[in-house]
Amino acid sequence: MPTSSLFASGWRSQAILIYVLTVAMAVATGTGQALMNNFAVERISFTGAEIGLLHTFREIPGLLAFTVVFVLLIIREQRLACGFLVPRHPAPGNEWNLLPRRVPATPAE
């Protein structure tokens, strides 16, 4: 008798895989965060400020991904990709001077 349920194809269905992976990701994320926080506090002696700084750097890729998705709402994907392919090097003789220039020493009089 054919059934139209979500699990019609047995335990090897895509729905079961999604559910198992969802639970596995939640367990893995919780375990990883607990281990990191315990290790940071007990072994490295991190304080709250240092753990906050650690988590700040951990969140930067997500912020960049969110920013790119937001920019894609404004411009087309092809234009964004071309913008990333354009070389960002200055023309010869027009270098960006990010470091202070060395002033030549004047001879002592």
N, C-alpha and C. Protein backbone atom coordinates (compact mmCIF):
# COMPACT_ATOMS: atom_id res chain seq x y z
N MET A 1 0.84 -1.17 0.00
CA MET A 1 0.00 0.00 0.00
C MET A 1 0.89 1.23 0.00
N PRO A 2 0.81 2.08 -1.05
CA PRO A 2 1.67 3.26 -1.12
C PRO A 2 1.25 4.30 -0.08
N THR A 3 2.25 4.90 0.49
CA THR A 3 1.99 5.95 1.47
C THR A 3 2.73 7.20 1.04
N SER A 4 2.18 8.34 1.35
CA SER A 4 2.80 9.59 0.94
C SER A 4 3.41 10.31 2.14
N SER A 5 3.82 9.58 3.13
CA SER A 5 4.40 10.22 4.31
C SER A 5 5.82 10.68 4.01
N LEU A 6 6.34 11.42 4.95
CA LEU A 6 7.69 11.96 4.81
C LEU A 6 8.74 10.85 4.80
N PHE A 7 8.44 9.75 5.49
CA PHE A 7 9.40 8.65 5.63
C PHE A 7 8.99 7.45 4.79
N ALA A 8 8.43 7.69 3.63
CA ALA A 8 7.92 6.61 2.79
C ALA A 8 9.02 5.68 2.31
N SER A 9 10.22 6.18 2.12
CA SER A 9 11.28 5.34 1.58
C SER A 9 12.09 4.64 2.67
N GLY A 10 11.59 4.60 3.89
CA GLY A 10 12.28 3.90 4.96
C GLY A 10 13.28 4.79 5.68
N TRP A 11 14.19 4.15 6.39
CA TRP A 11 15.12 4.91 7.21
C TRP A 11 16.23 5.54 6.39
N ARG A 12 16.37 5.21 5.12
CA ARG A 12 17.40 5.80 4.27
C ARG A 12 16.88 7.00 3.48
N SER A 13 15.90 7.67 3.98
CA SER A 13 15.35 8.82 3.26
C SER A 13 16.16 10.08 3.56
N GLN A 14 15.97 11.08 2.75
CA GLN A 14 16.67 12.35 2.94
C GLN A 14 16.18 13.05 4.20
N ALA A 15 14.93 12.86 4.55
CA ALA A 15 14.39 13.50 5.76
C ALA A 15 15.09 12.96 7.01
N ILE A 16 15.29 11.68 7.07
CA ILE A 16 15.99 11.09 8.22
C ILE A 16 17.41 11.62 8.30
N LEU A 17 18.08 11.72 7.16
CA LEU A 17 19.44 12.25 7.12
C LEU A 17 19.48 13.68 7.66
N ILE A 18 18.53 14.51 7.26
CA ILE A 18 18.49 15.89 7.74
C ILE A 18 18.29 15.92 9.25
N TYR A 19 17.38 15.10 9.76
CA TYR A 19 17.14 15.08 11.21
C TYR A 19 18.37 14.61 11.98
N VAL A 20 19.01 13.57 11.50
CA VAL A 20 20.21 13.05 12.18
C VAL A 20 21.33 14.08 12.15
N LEU A 21 21.54 14.73 11.00
CA LEU A 21 22.59 15.73 10.91
C LEU A 21 22.29 16.95 11.76
N THR A 22 21.02 17.32 11.90
CA THR A 22 20.66 18.44 12.75
C THR A 22 21.01 18.16 14.20
N VAL A 23 20.67 16.97 14.67
CA VAL A 23 20.99 16.60 16.05
C VAL A 23 22.50 16.49 16.23
N ALA A 24 23.19 15.90 15.27
CA ALA A 24 24.64 15.75 15.37
C ALA A 24 25.34 17.10 15.41
N MET A 25 24.90 18.06 14.59
CA MET A 25 25.51 19.39 14.60
C MET A 25 25.28 20.10 15.93
N ALA A 26 24.08 19.95 16.50
CA ALA A 26 23.80 20.58 17.79
C ALA A 26 24.67 20.00 18.88
N VAL A 27 24.81 18.67 18.89
CA VAL A 27 25.65 18.02 19.91
C VAL A 27 27.12 18.40 19.72
N ALA A 28 27.59 18.41 18.48
CA ALA A 28 28.99 18.73 18.22
C ALA A 28 29.31 20.19 18.57
N THR A 29 28.41 21.10 18.25
CA THR A 29 28.64 22.51 18.57
C THR A 29 28.66 22.73 20.07
N GLY A 30 27.70 22.14 20.78
CA GLY A 30 27.67 22.28 22.23
C GLY A 30 28.88 21.68 22.90
N THR A 31 29.30 20.51 22.43
CA THR A 31 30.48 19.86 23.00
C THR A 31 31.74 20.69 22.73
N GLY A 32 31.88 21.18 21.51
CA GLY A 32 33.05 21.97 21.17
C GLY A 32 33.14 23.25 21.98
N GLN A 33 32.03 23.93 22.17
CA GLN A 33 32.05 25.16 22.94
C GLN A 33 32.34 24.88 24.42
N ALA A 34 31.77 23.82 24.95
CA ALA A 34 32.03 23.48 26.34
C ALA A 34 33.50 23.13 26.55
N LEU A 35 34.06 22.33 25.65
CA LEU A 35 35.47 21.96 25.77
C LEU A 35 36.37 23.18 25.63
N MET A 36 36.07 24.07 24.68
CA MET A 36 36.89 25.26 24.49
C MET A 36 36.85 26.17 25.71
N ASN A 37 35.64 26.39 26.23
CA ASN A 37 35.54 27.26 27.40
C ASN A 37 36.23 26.65 28.61
N ASN A 38 36.06 25.35 28.84
CA ASN A 38 36.73 24.71 29.97
C ASN A 38 38.24 24.73 29.81
N PHE A 39 38.73 24.45 28.60
CA PHE A 39 40.17 24.47 28.36
C PHE A 39 40.72 25.88 28.55
N ALA A 40 40.00 26.87 28.02
CA ALA A 40 40.48 28.25 28.10
C ALA A 40 40.54 28.72 29.55
N VAL A 41 39.58 28.36 30.36
CA VAL A 41 39.55 28.82 31.74
C VAL A 41 40.53 28.04 32.60
N GLU A 42 40.54 26.72 32.48
CA GLU A 42 41.33 25.89 33.38
C GLU A 42 42.81 25.82 33.00
N ARG A 43 43.13 25.68 31.73
CA ARG A 43 44.52 25.47 31.33
C ARG A 43 45.25 26.75 30.94
N ILE A 44 44.56 27.63 30.22
CA ILE A 44 45.22 28.84 29.73
C ILE A 44 44.96 30.02 30.65
N SER A 45 44.03 29.86 31.58
CA SER A 45 43.65 30.90 32.54
C SER A 45 43.11 32.15 31.86
N PHE A 46 42.24 31.94 30.89
CA PHE A 46 41.59 33.07 30.23
C PHE A 46 40.58 33.69 31.19
N THR A 47 40.45 35.00 31.12
CA THR A 47 39.40 35.70 31.86
C THR A 47 38.23 35.91 30.90
N GLY A 48 37.18 36.54 31.38
CA GLY A 48 36.02 36.79 30.54
C GLY A 48 36.33 37.67 29.36
N ALA A 49 37.20 38.67 29.56
CA ALA A 49 37.55 39.57 28.46
C ALA A 49 38.32 38.83 27.36
N GLU A 50 39.21 37.94 27.73
CA GLU A 50 39.99 37.20 26.74
C GLU A 50 39.11 36.20 25.98
N ILE A 51 38.18 35.57 26.68
CA ILE A 51 37.25 34.66 26.00
C ILE A 51 36.36 35.45 25.04
N GLY A 52 35.94 36.64 25.46
CA GLY A 52 35.15 37.49 24.57
C GLY A 52 35.92 37.87 23.32
N LEU A 53 37.20 38.19 23.46
CA LEU A 53 38.03 38.51 22.31
C LEU A 53 38.19 37.30 21.39
N LEU A 54 38.34 36.13 21.98
CA LEU A 54 38.45 34.89 21.21
C LEU A 54 37.18 34.66 20.39
N HIS A 55 36.03 34.84 21.01
CA HIS A 55 34.77 34.64 20.30
C HIS A 55 34.53 35.73 19.26
N THR A 56 35.05 36.92 19.50
CA THR A 56 34.92 37.99 18.51
C THR A 56 35.64 37.60 17.22
N PHE A 57 36.86 37.10 17.32
CA PHE A 57 37.59 36.68 16.13
C PHE A 57 36.93 35.49 15.46
N ARG A 58 36.29 34.64 16.26
CA ARG A 58 35.61 33.48 15.71
C ARG A 58 34.39 33.88 14.89
N GLU A 59 33.78 35.00 15.20
CA GLU A 59 32.56 35.44 14.52
C GLU A 59 32.83 36.27 13.26
N ILE A 60 34.07 36.65 13.00
CA ILE A 60 34.37 37.51 11.84
C ILE A 60 33.98 36.85 10.51
N PRO A 61 34.25 35.57 10.25
CA PRO A 61 33.82 34.99 8.97
C PRO A 61 32.30 35.04 8.77
N GLY A 62 31.53 34.85 9.82
CA GLY A 62 30.09 34.95 9.70
C GLY A 62 29.64 36.35 9.37
N LEU A 63 30.29 37.34 9.97
CA LEU A 63 29.96 38.73 9.67
C LEU A 63 30.29 39.06 8.21
N LEU A 64 31.42 38.57 7.73
CA LEU A 64 31.77 38.80 6.33
C LEU A 64 30.78 38.13 5.39
N ALA A 65 30.36 36.91 5.71
CA ALA A 65 29.37 36.22 4.87
C ALA A 65 28.05 36.97 4.87
N PHE A 66 27.62 37.46 6.02
CA PHE A 66 26.38 38.24 6.10
C PHE A 66 26.51 39.51 5.26
N THR A 67 27.67 40.16 5.31
CA THR A 67 27.88 41.38 4.55
C THR A 67 27.80 41.12 3.06
N VAL A 68 28.40 40.02 2.61
CA VAL A 68 28.37 39.69 1.18
C VAL A 68 26.93 39.41 0.74
N VAL A 69 26.17 38.69 1.55
CA VAL A 69 24.77 38.42 1.20
C VAL A 69 23.98 39.72 1.14
N PHE A 70 24.23 40.62 2.06
CA PHE A 70 23.55 41.91 2.04
C PHE A 70 23.92 42.71 0.80
N VAL A 71 25.19 42.69 0.42
CA VAL A 71 25.63 43.41 -0.78
C VAL A 71 24.99 42.79 -2.03
N LEU A 72 24.78 41.48 -2.02
CA LEU A 72 24.14 40.82 -3.16
C LEU A 72 22.70 41.25 -3.34
N LEU A 73 22.08 41.79 -2.31
CA LEU A 73 20.74 42.34 -2.48
C LEU A 73 20.77 43.64 -3.28
N ILE A 74 21.92 44.29 -3.32
CA ILE A 74 22.05 45.58 -3.97
C ILE A 74 22.61 45.45 -5.39
N ILE A 75 23.66 44.63 -5.55
CA ILE A 75 24.27 44.47 -6.87
C ILE A 75 24.20 43.02 -7.31
N ARG A 76 24.42 42.80 -8.60
CA ARG A 76 24.36 41.45 -9.14
C ARG A 76 25.59 40.64 -8.71
N GLU A 77 25.42 39.34 -8.71
CA GLU A 77 26.50 38.44 -8.29
C GLU A 77 27.70 38.53 -9.22
N GLN A 78 27.45 38.66 -10.53
CA GLN A 78 28.55 38.73 -11.48
C GLN A 78 29.39 39.99 -11.25
N ARG A 79 28.76 41.10 -10.96
CA ARG A 79 29.49 42.34 -10.73
C ARG A 79 30.32 42.24 -9.45
N LEU A 80 29.75 41.61 -8.42
CA LEU A 80 30.50 41.43 -7.17
C LEU A 80 31.72 40.54 -7.40
N ALA A 81 31.54 39.46 -8.17
CA ALA A 81 32.66 38.55 -8.45
C ALA A 81 33.75 39.27 -9.24
N CYS A 82 33.35 40.08 -10.21
CA CYS A 82 34.34 40.83 -10.99
C CYS A 82 35.07 41.84 -10.11
N GLY A 83 34.36 42.42 -9.16
CA GLY A 83 35.00 43.36 -8.25
C GLY A 83 36.06 42.70 -7.40
N PHE A 84 35.86 41.43 -7.04
CA PHE A 84 36.87 40.73 -6.26
C PHE A 84 38.05 40.28 -7.12
N LEU A 85 37.84 40.19 -8.43
CA LEU A 85 38.92 39.76 -9.32
C LEU A 85 39.84 40.90 -9.73
N VAL A 86 39.39 42.13 -9.59
CA VAL A 86 40.20 43.29 -9.98
C VAL A 86 41.41 43.38 -9.05
N PRO A 87 42.61 43.48 -9.60
CA PRO A 87 43.78 43.56 -8.73
C PRO A 87 43.76 44.84 -7.91
N ARG A 88 44.20 44.75 -6.71
CA ARG A 88 44.19 45.88 -5.80
C ARG A 88 45.57 46.47 -5.61
N HIS A 89 46.46 46.31 -6.58
CA HIS A 89 47.81 46.82 -6.45
C HIS A 89 47.90 48.22 -7.03
N PRO A 90 48.60 49.12 -6.39
CA PRO A 90 48.73 50.47 -6.94
C PRO A 90 49.65 50.47 -8.17
N ALA A 91 49.52 51.49 -8.96
CA ALA A 91 50.36 51.64 -10.13
C ALA A 91 51.81 51.89 -9.69
N PRO A 92 52.79 51.51 -10.50
CA PRO A 92 54.19 51.76 -10.13
C PRO A 92 54.43 53.25 -9.91
N GLY A 93 55.11 53.57 -8.85
CA GLY A 93 55.39 54.95 -8.53
C GLY A 93 54.28 55.61 -7.73
N ASN A 94 53.19 54.89 -7.51
CA ASN A 94 52.07 55.46 -6.78
C ASN A 94 51.73 54.53 -5.61
N GLU A 95 52.74 54.04 -4.91
CA GLU A 95 52.54 53.10 -3.84
C GLU A 95 51.86 53.78 -2.65
N TRP A 96 51.13 52.96 -1.91
CA TRP A 96 50.53 53.47 -0.69
C TRP A 96 51.59 53.45 0.39
N ASN A 97 51.82 54.54 1.02
CA ASN A 97 52.80 54.61 2.08
C ASN A 97 52.09 54.45 3.41
N LEU A 98 52.01 53.21 3.87
CA LEU A 98 51.32 52.94 5.13
C LEU A 98 52.25 53.14 6.32
N LEU A 99 53.51 53.04 6.08
CA LEU A 99 54.47 53.24 7.16
C LEU A 99 55.07 54.64 7.05
N PRO A 100 55.45 55.21 8.17
CA PRO A 100 56.03 56.55 8.10
C PRO A 100 57.33 56.54 7.30
N ARG A 101 57.57 57.62 6.60
CA ARG A 101 58.80 57.71 5.80
C ARG A 101 59.99 57.92 6.73
N ARG A 102 61.10 57.36 6.30
CA ARG A 102 62.33 57.58 7.05
C ARG A 102 62.91 58.92 6.67
N VAL A 103 63.14 59.70 7.65
CA VAL A 103 63.75 61.01 7.41
C VAL A 103 65.25 60.81 7.48
N PRO A 104 65.97 61.22 6.42
CA PRO A 104 67.43 61.04 6.48
C PRO A 104 68.02 61.87 7.61
N ALA A 105 68.97 61.26 8.26
CA ALA A 105 69.62 61.95 9.38
C ALA A 105 70.43 63.12 8.85
N THR A 106 70.30 64.23 9.51
CA THR A 106 71.10 65.40 9.11
C THR A 106 72.45 65.30 9.81
N PRO A 107 73.48 65.68 9.12
CA PRO A 107 74.81 65.61 9.76
C PRO A 107 74.89 66.58 10.93
N ALA A 108 75.55 66.13 11.95
CA ALA A 108 75.72 66.98 13.14
C ALA A 108 76.65 68.13 12.82
N GLU A 109 76.32 69.29 13.28
CA GLU A 109 77.16 70.46 12.99
C GLU A 109 78.10 70.76 14.11
